[in-house]
Amino acid sequence: MKSVELRQKFLDFFEEKGHKIIPSASLIPENDPTVLFTTAGMHSLVPFLLGQKHPAGKRLTSVQKCIRTNDIDDVGDDVHSTFFEMLGNWSLGDYWKEDAIKWSFKFLTEELNIPLERLAVSCFAGDDDASKDIESAKIWQDLGIKKERIKFLPKKDNWWGPAGKTGPCGPDTEMFYWKLNNVPAPETFAAEDKNWVEIWNDVFMQYVKDENGNYFEAKQKNVDTGMGLERTLAVLNGKENIYETDLFLPIIEKIEELSGKKYEENQKAFRIIADHIKASTFLLASEVEPSNLGRGYILRRLIRRAVRHGKQLGIKENFIAKIYPAVAEIYADFYP
């Protein structure tokens, strides 16, 4: 499956469920000053998650471009990237856990034809701030997920938000795919096994966190889901990493041309260069400029890391601008 197909299939599915398609927000958050970049689709929706009426209604869906740098040292492994796209759907005080989970399950198993035996889920284990999410686990079981494939995990694993220091947040349920093609998925789900790749996350925003770190029941309960385009595309194409899809291969081929080296023999360096140039391209398009502070410092760091790894590959020329057209070729139709 191509990336353009997966994006459209997701949007079409939720549009049929009464969701209005909204455009991707800027990488520079407008409604959330507590974060440098848009790290999830919910950033531009914070006022509406807190009760303000959205002009498009209570059900929304989008493909959101995102930047996350907290995992920058993990870029180069099979699943982490600085720039990524999040496929999302929202309920602003409308439907709740049952519909959200059922639609996630239906999209995965019927629209994408992912076999049930390659799926597992996690739910929130509960703590002093919020109770154990038994409701979500029961819905999954009723849909056919075996009890052994459902794991209850603590807040650090199964709680989303707030995006900044304060705001809407709540327990989530995450969906995992067994990525190995030549080894059957084990009967029991072990979240620490890296062969289980998280591809989708349904967040149930039941709470609002205040400046003192206290959690209060939200007046408006929302659903906020996010499916990683890159990870899902990889598993649908039988790949064990995100870099061997149409979202990266044209960039990697250009790096091979400029370096005279093979990707297979230099995977980590190629992946870091490809990701960092892609992220830098989108930041520059968002009018961020390299500097010593804030967003500009992150951009400068990404460019310098790409240059360093290029030099390690033996590229002596000023090469980054020569790779940019490969990024533009991948994304120009969707992000003109």
C-alpha atoms as a PDB file:
ATOM      1  CA  MET A   1       0.000   0.000   0.000  1.00  0.00           C
ATOM      2  CA  LYS A   2       1.225   3.524  -0.808  1.00  0.00           C
ATOM      3  CA  SER A   3       1.160   6.358   1.728  1.00  0.00           C
ATOM      4  CA  VAL A   4      -1.338   8.340  -0.351  1.00  0.00           C
ATOM      5  CA  GLU A   5      -3.744   5.363  -0.244  1.00  0.00           C
ATOM      6  CA  LEU A   6      -3.479   4.928   3.525  1.00  0.00           C
ATOM      7  CA  ARG A   7      -4.098   8.621   4.213  1.00  0.00           C
ATOM      8  CA  GLN A   8      -7.160   8.667   1.982  1.00  0.00           C
ATOM      9  CA  LYS A   9      -8.534   5.375   3.274  1.00  0.00           C
ATOM     10  CA  PHE A  10      -8.385   6.685   6.861  1.00  0.00           C
ATOM     11  CA  LEU A  11     -10.054   9.998   6.040  1.00  0.00           C
ATOM     12  CA  ASP A  12     -12.766   8.311   3.959  1.00  0.00           C
ATOM     13  CA  PHE A  13     -13.516   5.797   6.726  1.00  0.00           C
ATOM     14  CA  PHE A  14     -14.111   8.434   9.378  1.00  0.00           C
ATOM     15  CA  GLU A  15     -15.895  10.783   7.010  1.00  0.00           C
ATOM     16  CA  GLU A  16     -18.414   7.967   6.523  1.00  0.00           C
ATOM     17  CA  LYS A  17     -18.787   7.903  10.329  1.00  0.00           C
ATOM     18  CA  GLY A  18     -19.891  11.547  10.332  1.00  0.00           C
ATOM     19  CA  HIS A  19     -16.495  13.195  10.844  1.00  0.00           C
ATOM     20  CA  LYS A  20     -15.575  16.416   9.061  1.00  0.00           C
ATOM     21  CA  ILE A  21     -12.109  16.443   7.484  1.00  0.00           C
ATOM     22  CA  ILE A  22     -10.003  19.339   8.758  1.00  0.00           C
ATOM     23  CA  PRO A  23      -6.587  20.384   7.368  1.00  0.00           C
ATOM     24  CA  SER A  24      -3.289  19.815   9.135  1.00  0.00           C
ATOM     25  CA  ALA A  25      -2.422  22.610  11.523  1.00  0.00           C
ATOM     26  CA  SER A  26       0.952  24.366  11.408  1.00  0.00           C
ATOM     27  CA  LEU A  27       3.989  22.776  13.053  1.00  0.00           C
ATOM     28  CA  ILE A  28       4.079  25.934  15.172  1.00  0.00           C
ATOM     29  CA  PRO A  29       1.268  25.619  17.769  1.00  0.00           C
ATOM     30  CA  GLU A  30      -1.197  28.511  17.776  1.00  0.00           C
ATOM     31  CA  ASN A  31      -3.338  27.574  20.779  1.00  0.00           C
ATOM     32  CA  ASP A  32      -0.744  25.954  23.047  1.00  0.00           C
ATOM     33  CA  PRO A  33       2.204  28.166  24.113  1.00  0.00           C
ATOM     34  CA  THR A  34       3.548  25.450  26.447  1.00  0.00           C
ATOM     35  CA  VAL A  35       5.244  23.458  23.635  1.00  0.00           C
ATOM     36  CA  LEU A  36       7.711  24.362  20.865  1.00  0.00           C
ATOM     37  CA  PHE A  37       6.162  22.264  18.108  1.00  0.00           C
ATOM     38  CA  THR A  38       2.943  20.501  17.221  1.00  0.00           C
ATOM     39  CA  THR A  39       3.562  16.984  18.525  1.00  0.00           C
ATOM     40  CA  ALA A  40       0.020  15.649  17.988  1.00  0.00           C
ATOM     41  CA  GLY A  41      -3.185  16.488  16.201  1.00  0.00           C
ATOM     42  CA  MET A  42      -4.824  17.783  19.349  1.00  0.00           C
ATOM     43  CA  HIS A  43      -2.663  20.932  19.715  1.00  0.00           C
ATOM     44  CA  SER A  44      -4.755  23.113  17.439  1.00  0.00           C
ATOM     45  CA  LEU A  45      -7.913  21.722  19.063  1.00  0.00           C
ATOM     46  CA  VAL A  46      -7.152  22.577  22.706  1.00  0.00           C
ATOM     47  CA  PRO A  47      -9.844  25.322  22.979  1.00  0.00           C
ATOM     48  CA  PHE A  48     -12.434  22.927  21.524  1.00  0.00           C
ATOM     49  CA  LEU A  49     -11.346  20.069  23.797  1.00  0.00           C
ATOM     50  CA  LEU A  50     -12.023  22.445  26.685  1.00  0.00           C
ATOM     51  CA  GLY A  51     -15.573  23.189  25.526  1.00  0.00           C
ATOM     52  CA  GLN A  52     -15.452  25.854  22.813  1.00  0.00           C
ATOM     53  CA  LYS A  53     -17.648  24.950  19.819  1.00  0.00           C
ATOM     54  CA  HIS A  54     -15.748  23.878  16.707  1.00  0.00           C
ATOM     55  CA  PRO A  55     -17.186  25.334  13.465  1.00  0.00           C
ATOM     56  CA  ALA A  56     -17.002  21.894  11.795  1.00  0.00           C
ATOM     57  CA  GLY A  57     -18.951  20.143  14.564  1.00  0.00           C
ATOM     58  CA  LYS A  58     -18.287  17.489  17.203  1.00  0.00           C
ATOM     59  CA  ARG A  59     -16.678  14.819  15.005  1.00  0.00           C
ATOM     60  CA  LEU A  60     -13.403  15.640  13.258  1.00  0.00           C
ATOM     61  CA  THR A  61     -10.658  13.788  11.388  1.00  0.00           C
ATOM     62  CA  SER A  62      -7.339  14.858   9.910  1.00  0.00           C
ATOM     63  CA  VAL A  63      -3.797  14.004   8.888  1.00  0.00           C
ATOM     64  CA  GLN A  64      -1.537  16.106  11.104  1.00  0.00           C
ATOM     65  CA  LYS A  65       2.144  16.771  10.474  1.00  0.00           C
ATOM     66  CA  CYS A  66       4.160  16.587  13.707  1.00  0.00           C
ATOM     67  CA  ILE A  67       7.647  17.148  15.098  1.00  0.00           C
ATOM     68  CA  ARG A  68       8.893  15.353  18.225  1.00  0.00           C
ATOM     69  CA  THR A  69      12.464  15.721  19.417  1.00  0.00           C
ATOM     70  CA  ASN A  70      12.279  13.955  22.788  1.00  0.00           C
ATOM     71  CA  ASP A  71      13.222  10.709  20.973  1.00  0.00           C
ATOM     72  CA  ILE A  72      15.964  12.262  18.828  1.00  0.00           C
ATOM     73  CA  ASP A  73      18.608   9.831  20.117  1.00  0.00           C
ATOM     74  CA  ASP A  74      16.407   6.906  19.041  1.00  0.00           C
ATOM     75  CA  VAL A  75      16.140   8.106  15.435  1.00  0.00           C
ATOM     76  CA  GLY A  76      17.879   5.526  13.290  1.00  0.00           C
ATOM     77  CA  ASP A  77      16.182   2.522  14.885  1.00  0.00           C
ATOM     78  CA  ASP A  78      13.248   0.799  13.201  1.00  0.00           C
ATOM     79  CA  VAL A  79      10.351   2.996  14.324  1.00  0.00           C
ATOM     80  CA  HIS A  80      11.439   6.451  15.552  1.00  0.00           C
ATOM     81  CA  SER A  81      11.499   9.633  13.488  1.00  0.00           C
ATOM     82  CA  THR A  82      11.566  13.350  14.260  1.00  0.00           C
ATOM     83  CA  PHE A  83       8.993  14.287  11.625  1.00  0.00           C
ATOM     84  CA  PHE A  84       5.914  12.107  11.241  1.00  0.00           C
ATOM     85  CA  GLU A  85       2.254  12.264  10.276  1.00  0.00           C
ATOM     86  CA  MET A  86      -0.561  11.371  12.647  1.00  0.00           C
ATOM     87  CA  LEU A  87      -3.888  10.110  11.350  1.00  0.00           C
ATOM     88  CA  GLY A  88      -6.497  11.155  13.885  1.00  0.00           C
ATOM     89  CA  ASN A  89     -10.177  11.302  14.715  1.00  0.00           C
ATOM     90  CA  TRP A  90     -11.875  13.233  17.512  1.00  0.00           C
ATOM     91  CA  SER A  91     -15.093  13.285  19.430  1.00  0.00           C
ATOM     92  CA  LEU A  92     -15.703  16.630  21.110  1.00  0.00           C
ATOM     93  CA  GLY A  93     -18.157  15.584  23.784  1.00  0.00           C
ATOM     94  CA  ASP A  94     -19.940  13.194  21.399  1.00  0.00           C
ATOM     95  CA  TYR A  95     -19.186   9.435  21.193  1.00  0.00           C
ATOM     96  CA  TRP A  96     -17.112   7.690  23.846  1.00  0.00           C
ATOM     97  CA  LYS A  97     -15.049   4.548  24.429  1.00  0.00           C
ATOM     98  CA  GLU A  98     -17.220   1.910  22.776  1.00  0.00           C
ATOM     99  CA  ASP A  99     -17.537   3.638  19.399  1.00  0.00           C
ATOM    100  CA  ALA A 100     -13.910   4.775  19.388  1.00  0.00           C
ATOM    101  CA  ILE A 101     -12.548   1.295  20.060  1.00  0.00           C
ATOM    102  CA  LYS A 102     -14.982  -0.478  17.724  1.00  0.00           C
ATOM    103  CA  TRP A 103     -14.090   1.853  14.852  1.00  0.00           C
ATOM    104  CA  SER A 104     -10.369   1.443  15.506  1.00  0.00           C
ATOM    105  CA  PHE A 105     -10.808  -2.334  15.449  1.00  0.00           C
ATOM    106  CA  LYS A 106     -12.960  -2.243  12.317  1.00  0.00           C
ATOM    107  CA  PHE A 107     -10.481  -0.044  10.436  1.00  0.00           C
ATOM    108  CA  LEU A 108      -7.532  -2.255  11.346  1.00  0.00           C
ATOM    109  CA  THR A 109      -9.132  -5.625  10.687  1.00  0.00           C
ATOM    110  CA  GLU A 110     -11.567  -4.857   7.846  1.00  0.00           C
ATOM    111  CA  GLU A 111     -10.239  -1.814   5.989  1.00  0.00           C
ATOM    112  CA  LEU A 112      -6.563  -2.713   6.363  1.00  0.00           C
ATOM    113  CA  ASN A 113      -7.101  -6.494   6.635  1.00  0.00           C
ATOM    114  CA  ILE A 114      -4.686  -6.887   9.544  1.00  0.00           C
ATOM    115  CA  PRO A 115      -5.067 -10.418  10.991  1.00  0.00           C
ATOM    116  CA  LEU A 116      -6.452 -10.573  14.522  1.00  0.00           C
ATOM    117  CA  GLU A 117      -3.631 -12.905  15.572  1.00  0.00           C
ATOM    118  CA  ARG A 118      -1.082 -10.120  14.972  1.00  0.00           C
ATOM    119  CA  LEU A 119      -2.808  -7.595  17.251  1.00  0.00           C
ATOM    120  CA  ALA A 120      -2.518  -6.834  20.973  1.00  0.00           C
ATOM    121  CA  VAL A 121      -3.660  -3.921  23.143  1.00  0.00           C
ATOM    122  CA  SER A 122      -2.767  -2.155  26.362  1.00  0.00           C
ATOM    123  CA  CYS A 123      -5.024  -0.298  28.802  1.00  0.00           C
ATOM    124  CA  PHE A 124      -4.463   1.990  31.785  1.00  0.00           C
ATOM    125  CA  ALA A 125      -3.697   0.131  35.030  1.00  0.00           C
ATOM    126  CA  GLY A 126      -5.022   2.870  37.322  1.00  0.00           C
ATOM    127  CA  ASP A 127      -3.392   4.899  40.119  1.00  0.00           C
ATOM    128  CA  ASP A 128      -4.243   7.530  42.729  1.00  0.00           C
ATOM    129  CA  ASP A 129      -5.330   9.982  40.015  1.00  0.00           C
ATOM    130  CA  ALA A 130      -7.622   7.716  37.969  1.00  0.00           C
ATOM    131  CA  SER A 131      -9.168   4.265  38.148  1.00  0.00           C
ATOM    132  CA  LYS A 132      -8.194   1.143  36.181  1.00  0.00           C
ATOM    133  CA  ASP A 133      -9.687   1.154  32.674  1.00  0.00           C
ATOM    134  CA  ILE A 134     -11.640  -2.095  32.871  1.00  0.00           C
ATOM    135  CA  GLU A 135     -14.276  -0.720  30.479  1.00  0.00           C
ATOM    136  CA  SER A 136     -11.873  -0.484  27.519  1.00  0.00           C
ATOM    137  CA  ALA A 137     -10.459  -3.960  28.185  1.00  0.00           C
ATOM    138  CA  LYS A 138     -13.949  -5.469  28.150  1.00  0.00           C
ATOM    139  CA  ILE A 139     -14.789  -3.798  24.837  1.00  0.00           C
ATOM    140  CA  TRP A 140     -11.613  -5.252  23.294  1.00  0.00           C
ATOM    141  CA  GLN A 141     -12.448  -8.722  24.622  1.00  0.00           C
ATOM    142  CA  ASP A 142     -15.964  -8.520  23.215  1.00  0.00           C
ATOM    143  CA  LEU A 143     -14.431  -7.715  19.815  1.00  0.00           C
ATOM    144  CA  GLY A 144     -12.276 -10.823  19.899  1.00  0.00           C
ATOM    145  CA  ILE A 145      -8.978  -9.777  21.470  1.00  0.00           C
ATOM    146  CA  LYS A 146      -7.940 -12.558  23.851  1.00  0.00           C
ATOM    147  CA  LYS A 147      -7.432 -11.733  27.519  1.00  0.00           C
ATOM    148  CA  GLU A 148      -3.781 -12.805  27.207  1.00  0.00           C
ATOM    149  CA  ARG A 149      -3.273 -10.129  24.555  1.00  0.00           C
ATOM    150  CA  ILE A 150      -4.536  -7.301  26.810  1.00  0.00           C
ATOM    151  CA  LYS A 151      -2.012  -5.721  29.180  1.00  0.00           C
ATOM    152  CA  PHE A 152      -2.709  -3.142  31.894  1.00  0.00           C
ATOM    153  CA  LEU A 153       0.136  -0.635  32.072  1.00  0.00           C
ATOM    154  CA  PRO A 154       0.889   2.367  34.344  1.00  0.00           C
ATOM    155  CA  LYS A 155       0.577   6.070  33.584  1.00  0.00           C
ATOM    156  CA  LYS A 156       3.989   6.369  31.922  1.00  0.00           C
ATOM    157  CA  ASP A 157       2.777   3.917  29.270  1.00  0.00           C
ATOM    158  CA  ASN A 158      -0.986   4.360  29.028  1.00  0.00           C
ATOM    159  CA  TRP A 159      -1.816   7.957  29.759  1.00  0.00           C
ATOM    160  CA  TRP A 160      -1.754  10.813  27.274  1.00  0.00           C
ATOM    161  CA  GLY A 161      -1.294  14.470  27.981  1.00  0.00           C
ATOM    162  CA  PRO A 162      -1.541  17.158  28.668  1.00  0.00           C
ATOM    163  CA  ALA A 163       0.504  18.211  25.646  1.00  0.00           C
ATOM    164  CA  GLY A 164       2.112  20.929  27.752  1.00  0.00           C
ATOM    165  CA  LYS A 165       2.137  21.433  31.525  1.00  0.00           C
ATOM    166  CA  THR A 166      -1.631  21.824  31.869  1.00  0.00           C
ATOM    167  CA  GLY A 167      -4.787  20.927  29.960  1.00  0.00           C
ATOM    168  CA  PRO A 168      -6.935  17.989  28.846  1.00  0.00           C
ATOM    169  CA  CYS A 169      -5.590  14.479  29.361  1.00  0.00           C
ATOM    170  CA  GLY A 170      -6.636  10.973  30.262  1.00  0.00           C
ATOM    171  CA  PRO A 171      -6.082   7.215  30.041  1.00  0.00           C
ATOM    172  CA  ASP A 172      -5.492   5.635  26.674  1.00  0.00           C
ATOM    173  CA  THR A 173      -5.655   2.262  25.033  1.00  0.00           C
ATOM    174  CA  GLU A 174      -2.911   1.412  22.564  1.00  0.00           C
ATOM    175  CA  MET A 175      -2.893  -1.026  19.659  1.00  0.00           C
ATOM    176  CA  PHE A 176       0.192  -3.092  18.816  1.00  0.00           C
ATOM    177  CA  TYR A 177       1.159  -5.102  15.735  1.00  0.00           C
ATOM    178  CA  TRP A 178       3.500  -8.117  15.716  1.00  0.00           C
ATOM    179  CA  LYS A 179       6.056  -7.043  13.105  1.00  0.00           C
ATOM    180  CA  LEU A 180       7.993 -10.271  12.486  1.00  0.00           C
ATOM    181  CA  ASN A 181       6.901 -12.058   9.340  1.00  0.00           C
ATOM    182  CA  ASN A 182       8.704 -15.346   9.932  1.00  0.00           C
ATOM    183  CA  VAL A 183       7.854 -15.802  13.628  1.00  0.00           C
ATOM    184  CA  PRO A 184       4.243 -16.246  14.845  1.00  0.00           C
ATOM    185  CA  ALA A 185       3.060 -13.779  17.461  1.00  0.00           C
ATOM    186  CA  PRO A 186       3.216 -15.203  21.008  1.00  0.00           C
ATOM    187  CA  GLU A 187      -0.053 -16.030  22.696  1.00  0.00           C
ATOM    188  CA  THR A 188       0.640 -13.596  25.542  1.00  0.00           C
ATOM    189  CA  PHE A 189       1.347  -9.921  24.897  1.00  0.00           C
ATOM    190  CA  ALA A 190       4.562  -8.593  26.489  1.00  0.00           C
ATOM    191  CA  ALA A 191       4.767  -4.823  26.025  1.00  0.00           C
ATOM    192  CA  GLU A 192       8.536  -4.809  26.553  1.00  0.00           C
ATOM    193  CA  ASP A 193       9.056  -7.026  23.469  1.00  0.00           C
ATOM    194  CA  LYS A 194      10.161  -4.596  20.725  1.00  0.00           C
ATOM    195  CA  ASN A 195       8.655  -6.851  18.065  1.00  0.00           C
ATOM    196  CA  TRP A 196       5.269  -5.520  19.189  1.00  0.00           C
ATOM    197  CA  VAL A 197       5.030  -2.102  17.488  1.00  0.00           C
ATOM    198  CA  GLU A 198       2.510   0.471  18.671  1.00  0.00           C
ATOM    199  CA  ILE A 199       0.526   1.764  15.690  1.00  0.00           C
ATOM    200  CA  TRP A 200      -2.583   3.433  17.152  1.00  0.00           C
ATOM    201  CA  ASN A 201      -3.627   5.119  20.352  1.00  0.00           C
ATOM    202  CA  ASP A 202      -7.151   5.975  21.527  1.00  0.00           C
ATOM    203  CA  VAL A 203      -7.052   8.644  24.249  1.00  0.00           C
ATOM    204  CA  PHE A 204     -10.046   9.195  26.497  1.00  0.00           C
ATOM    205  CA  MET A 205      -9.805  12.759  27.781  1.00  0.00           C
ATOM    206  CA  GLN A 206     -11.695  12.445  31.025  1.00  0.00           C
ATOM    207  CA  TYR A 207      -9.525  14.862  32.999  1.00  0.00           C
ATOM    208  CA  VAL A 208      -7.939  18.305  33.027  1.00  0.00           C
ATOM    209  CA  LYS A 209      -4.591  18.824  34.789  1.00  0.00           C
ATOM    210  CA  ASP A 210      -4.070  22.179  36.550  1.00  0.00           C
ATOM    211  CA  GLU A 211      -0.889  24.139  37.293  1.00  0.00           C
ATOM    212  CA  ASN A 212      -0.529  22.434  40.675  1.00  0.00           C
ATOM    213  CA  GLY A 213      -0.476  18.973  39.130  1.00  0.00           C
ATOM    214  CA  ASN A 214      -4.019  18.089  40.212  1.00  0.00           C
ATOM    215  CA  TYR A 215      -6.428  16.162  37.992  1.00  0.00           C
ATOM    216  CA  PHE A 216     -10.085  17.140  37.730  1.00  0.00           C
ATOM    217  CA  GLU A 217     -12.964  15.496  35.889  1.00  0.00           C
ATOM    218  CA  ALA A 218     -13.417  17.281  32.565  1.00  0.00           C
ATOM    219  CA  LYS A 219     -16.747  18.991  31.948  1.00  0.00           C
ATOM    220  CA  GLN A 220     -16.577  17.771  28.365  1.00  0.00           C
ATOM    221  CA  LYS A 221     -15.222  14.244  27.799  1.00  0.00           C
ATOM    222  CA  ASN A 222     -13.421  13.845  24.472  1.00  0.00           C
ATOM    223  CA  VAL A 223     -11.903  11.097  22.353  1.00  0.00           C
ATOM    224  CA  ASP A 224      -8.566  11.865  20.696  1.00  0.00           C
ATOM    225  CA  THR A 225      -6.981   9.127  18.584  1.00  0.00           C
ATOM    226  CA  GLY A 226      -3.721   8.943  16.717  1.00  0.00           C
ATOM    227  CA  MET A 227      -2.422   6.383  14.223  1.00  0.00           C
ATOM    228  CA  GLY A 228       1.179   6.773  13.061  1.00  0.00           C
ATOM    229  CA  LEU A 229       1.228   6.887   9.258  1.00  0.00           C
ATOM    230  CA  GLU A 230       4.838   5.737   8.957  1.00  0.00           C
ATOM    231  CA  ARG A 231       4.552   2.760  11.311  1.00  0.00           C
ATOM    232  CA  THR A 232       1.233   1.578   9.925  1.00  0.00           C
ATOM    233  CA  LEU A 233       2.466   1.891   6.345  1.00  0.00           C
ATOM    234  CA  ALA A 234       5.508  -0.213   7.214  1.00  0.00           C
ATOM    235  CA  VAL A 235       3.517  -3.089   8.713  1.00  0.00           C
ATOM    236  CA  LEU A 236       1.022  -3.076   5.842  1.00  0.00           C
ATOM    237  CA  ASN A 237       3.917  -3.539   3.426  1.00  0.00           C
ATOM    238  CA  GLY A 238       5.509  -6.321   5.431  1.00  0.00           C
ATOM    239  CA  LYS A 239       8.437  -4.143   6.514  1.00  0.00           C
ATOM    240  CA  GLU A 240      10.011  -4.296   9.949  1.00  0.00           C
ATOM    241  CA  ASN A 241      11.057  -0.625   9.858  1.00  0.00           C
ATOM    242  CA  ILE A 242       9.555   2.677   8.677  1.00  0.00           C
ATOM    243  CA  TYR A 243      12.431   3.601   6.361  1.00  0.00           C
ATOM    244  CA  GLU A 244      11.703   1.049   3.634  1.00  0.00           C
ATOM    245  CA  THR A 245       8.463   2.687   2.476  1.00  0.00           C
ATOM    246  CA  ASP A 246       7.645   5.348  -0.118  1.00  0.00           C
ATOM    247  CA  LEU A 247       7.925   7.997   2.626  1.00  0.00           C
ATOM    248  CA  PHE A 248      11.708   7.498   2.840  1.00  0.00           C
ATOM    249  CA  LEU A 249      13.056   5.424  -0.067  1.00  0.00           C
ATOM    250  CA  PRO A 250      13.429   8.325  -2.579  1.00  0.00           C
ATOM    251  CA  ILE A 251      15.489  10.233   0.018  1.00  0.00           C
ATOM    252  CA  ILE A 252      17.637   7.195   0.800  1.00  0.00           C
ATOM    253  CA  GLU A 253      18.259   6.589  -2.912  1.00  0.00           C
ATOM    254  CA  LYS A 254      19.489  10.194  -3.261  1.00  0.00           C
ATOM    255  CA  ILE A 255      21.854   9.755  -0.297  1.00  0.00           C
ATOM    256  CA  GLU A 256      23.224   6.603  -1.955  1.00  0.00           C
ATOM    257  CA  GLU A 257      23.838   8.577  -5.148  1.00  0.00           C
ATOM    258  CA  LEU A 258      25.662  11.407  -3.361  1.00  0.00           C
ATOM    259  CA  SER A 259      27.694   9.235  -0.994  1.00  0.00           C
ATOM    260  CA  GLY A 260      28.513   6.310  -3.235  1.00  0.00           C
ATOM    261  CA  LYS A 261      27.635   4.078  -0.270  1.00  0.00           C
ATOM    262  CA  LYS A 262      24.914   1.470   0.142  1.00  0.00           C
ATOM    263  CA  TYR A 263      22.021   1.931   2.578  1.00  0.00           C
ATOM    264  CA  GLU A 264      22.204  -1.709   3.702  1.00  0.00           C
ATOM    265  CA  GLU A 265      25.757  -1.183   4.971  1.00  0.00           C
ATOM    266  CA  ASN A 266      25.140   2.211   6.636  1.00  0.00           C
ATOM    267  CA  GLN A 267      21.542   2.062   7.812  1.00  0.00           C
ATOM    268  CA  LYS A 268      21.693   4.268  10.906  1.00  0.00           C
ATOM    269  CA  ALA A 269      23.545   7.149   9.220  1.00  0.00           C
ATOM    270  CA  PHE A 270      21.228   7.032   6.184  1.00  0.00           C
ATOM    271  CA  ARG A 271      18.128   6.997   8.383  1.00  0.00           C
ATOM    272  CA  ILE A 272      19.272   9.936  10.518  1.00  0.00           C
ATOM    273  CA  ILE A 273      20.153  12.027   7.451  1.00  0.00           C
ATOM    274  CA  ALA A 274      16.838  11.210   5.750  1.00  0.00           C
ATOM    275  CA  ASP A 275      14.754  11.975   8.841  1.00  0.00           C
ATOM    276  CA  HIS A 276      16.603  15.152   9.828  1.00  0.00           C
ATOM    277  CA  ILE A 277      16.535  16.664   6.349  1.00  0.00           C
ATOM    278  CA  LYS A 278      12.833  15.866   6.094  1.00  0.00           C
ATOM    279  CA  ALA A 279      12.123  17.463   9.481  1.00  0.00           C
ATOM    280  CA  SER A 280      14.285  20.492   8.623  1.00  0.00           C
ATOM    281  CA  THR A 281      12.474  20.956   5.321  1.00  0.00           C
ATOM    282  CA  PHE A 282       9.096  21.099   7.064  1.00  0.00           C
ATOM    283  CA  LEU A 283      10.394  23.464   9.753  1.00  0.00           C
ATOM    284  CA  LEU A 284      11.865  25.826   7.164  1.00  0.00           C
ATOM    285  CA  ALA A 285       8.548  25.714   5.312  1.00  0.00           C
ATOM    286  CA  SER A 286       6.938  26.779   8.615  1.00  0.00           C
ATOM    287  CA  GLU A 287       9.244  29.842   8.614  1.00  0.00           C
ATOM    288  CA  VAL A 288      11.488  28.629  11.423  1.00  0.00           C
ATOM    289  CA  GLU A 289      15.068  29.856  10.985  1.00  0.00           C
ATOM    290  CA  PRO A 290      18.249  28.346  12.477  1.00  0.00           C
ATOM    291  CA  SER A 291      19.298  30.165  15.663  1.00  0.00           C
ATOM    292  CA  ASN A 292      20.677  29.649  19.163  1.00  0.00           C
ATOM    293  CA  LEU A 293      17.317  29.559  20.926  1.00  0.00           C
ATOM    294  CA  GLY A 294      14.048  27.620  21.009  1.00  0.00           C
ATOM    295  CA  ARG A 295      12.695  26.338  17.723  1.00  0.00           C
ATOM    296  CA  GLY A 296      15.637  27.773  15.795  1.00  0.00           C
ATOM    297  CA  TYR A 297      18.073  25.841  17.953  1.00  0.00           C
ATOM    298  CA  ILE A 298      16.228  22.563  17.289  1.00  0.00           C
ATOM    299  CA  LEU A 299      16.349  23.247  13.538  1.00  0.00           C
ATOM    300  CA  ARG A 300      20.058  24.073  13.679  1.00  0.00           C
ATOM    301  CA  ARG A 301      20.729  20.892  15.653  1.00  0.00           C
ATOM    302  CA  LEU A 302      18.876  18.754  13.106  1.00  0.00           C
ATOM    303  CA  ILE A 303      20.830  20.260  10.205  1.00  0.00           C
ATOM    304  CA  ARG A 304      24.173  19.864  11.998  1.00  0.00           C
ATOM    305  CA  ARG A 305      23.452  16.228  12.855  1.00  0.00           C
ATOM    306  CA  ALA A 306      22.570  15.525   9.220  1.00  0.00           C
ATOM    307  CA  VAL A 307      25.799  17.193   8.061  1.00  0.00           C
ATOM    308  CA  ARG A 308      27.878  15.242  10.588  1.00  0.00           C
ATOM    309  CA  HIS A 309      26.497  11.896   9.475  1.00  0.00           C
ATOM    310  CA  GLY A 310      26.958  12.892   5.835  1.00  0.00           C
ATOM    311  CA  LYS A 311      30.628  13.593   6.496  1.00  0.00           C
ATOM    312  CA  GLN A 312      30.941  10.210   8.202  1.00  0.00           C
ATOM    313  CA  LEU A 313      29.688   8.674   4.955  1.00  0.00           C
ATOM    314  CA  GLY A 314      32.430  10.519   3.104  1.00  0.00           C
ATOM    315  CA  ILE A 315      30.287  13.193   1.438  1.00  0.00           C
ATOM    316  CA  LYS A 316      32.554  16.220   1.049  1.00  0.00           C
ATOM    317  CA  GLU A 317      30.251  18.537  -0.903  1.00  0.00           C
ATOM    318  CA  ASN A 318      27.458  20.755   0.437  1.00  0.00           C
ATOM    319  CA  PHE A 319      24.851  18.020   0.015  1.00  0.00           C
ATOM    320  CA  ILE A 320      21.715  18.822   2.027  1.00  0.00           C
ATOM    321  CA  ALA A 321      20.137  21.149  -0.543  1.00  0.00           C
ATOM    322  CA  LYS A 322      20.607  18.412  -3.146  1.00  0.00           C
ATOM    323  CA  ILE A 323      18.479  16.005  -1.093  1.00  0.00           C
ATOM    324  CA  TYR A 324      15.622  18.447  -0.488  1.00  0.00           C
ATOM    325  CA  PRO A 325      13.969  17.811  -3.928  1.00  0.00           C
ATOM    326  CA  ALA A 326      13.460  14.159  -2.923  1.00  0.00           C
ATOM    327  CA  VAL A 327      11.531  15.321   0.155  1.00  0.00           C
ATOM    328  CA  ALA A 328       9.437  17.703  -1.938  1.00  0.00           C
ATOM    329  CA  GLU A 329       8.647  14.945  -4.425  1.00  0.00           C
ATOM    330  CA  ILE A 330       7.185  12.744  -1.673  1.00  0.00           C
ATOM    331  CA  TYR A 331       5.005  15.410  -0.039  1.00  0.00           C
ATOM    332  CA  ALA A 332       4.230  18.179  -2.529  1.00  0.00           C
ATOM    333  CA  ASP A 333       0.816  16.824  -3.544  1.00  0.00           C
ATOM    334  CA  PHE A 334      -0.481  16.531   0.030  1.00  0.00           C
ATOM    335  CA  TYR A 335       1.310  19.576   1.473  1.00  0.00           C
ATOM    336  CA  PRO A 336       1.529  21.995  -1.497  1.00  0.00           C
END
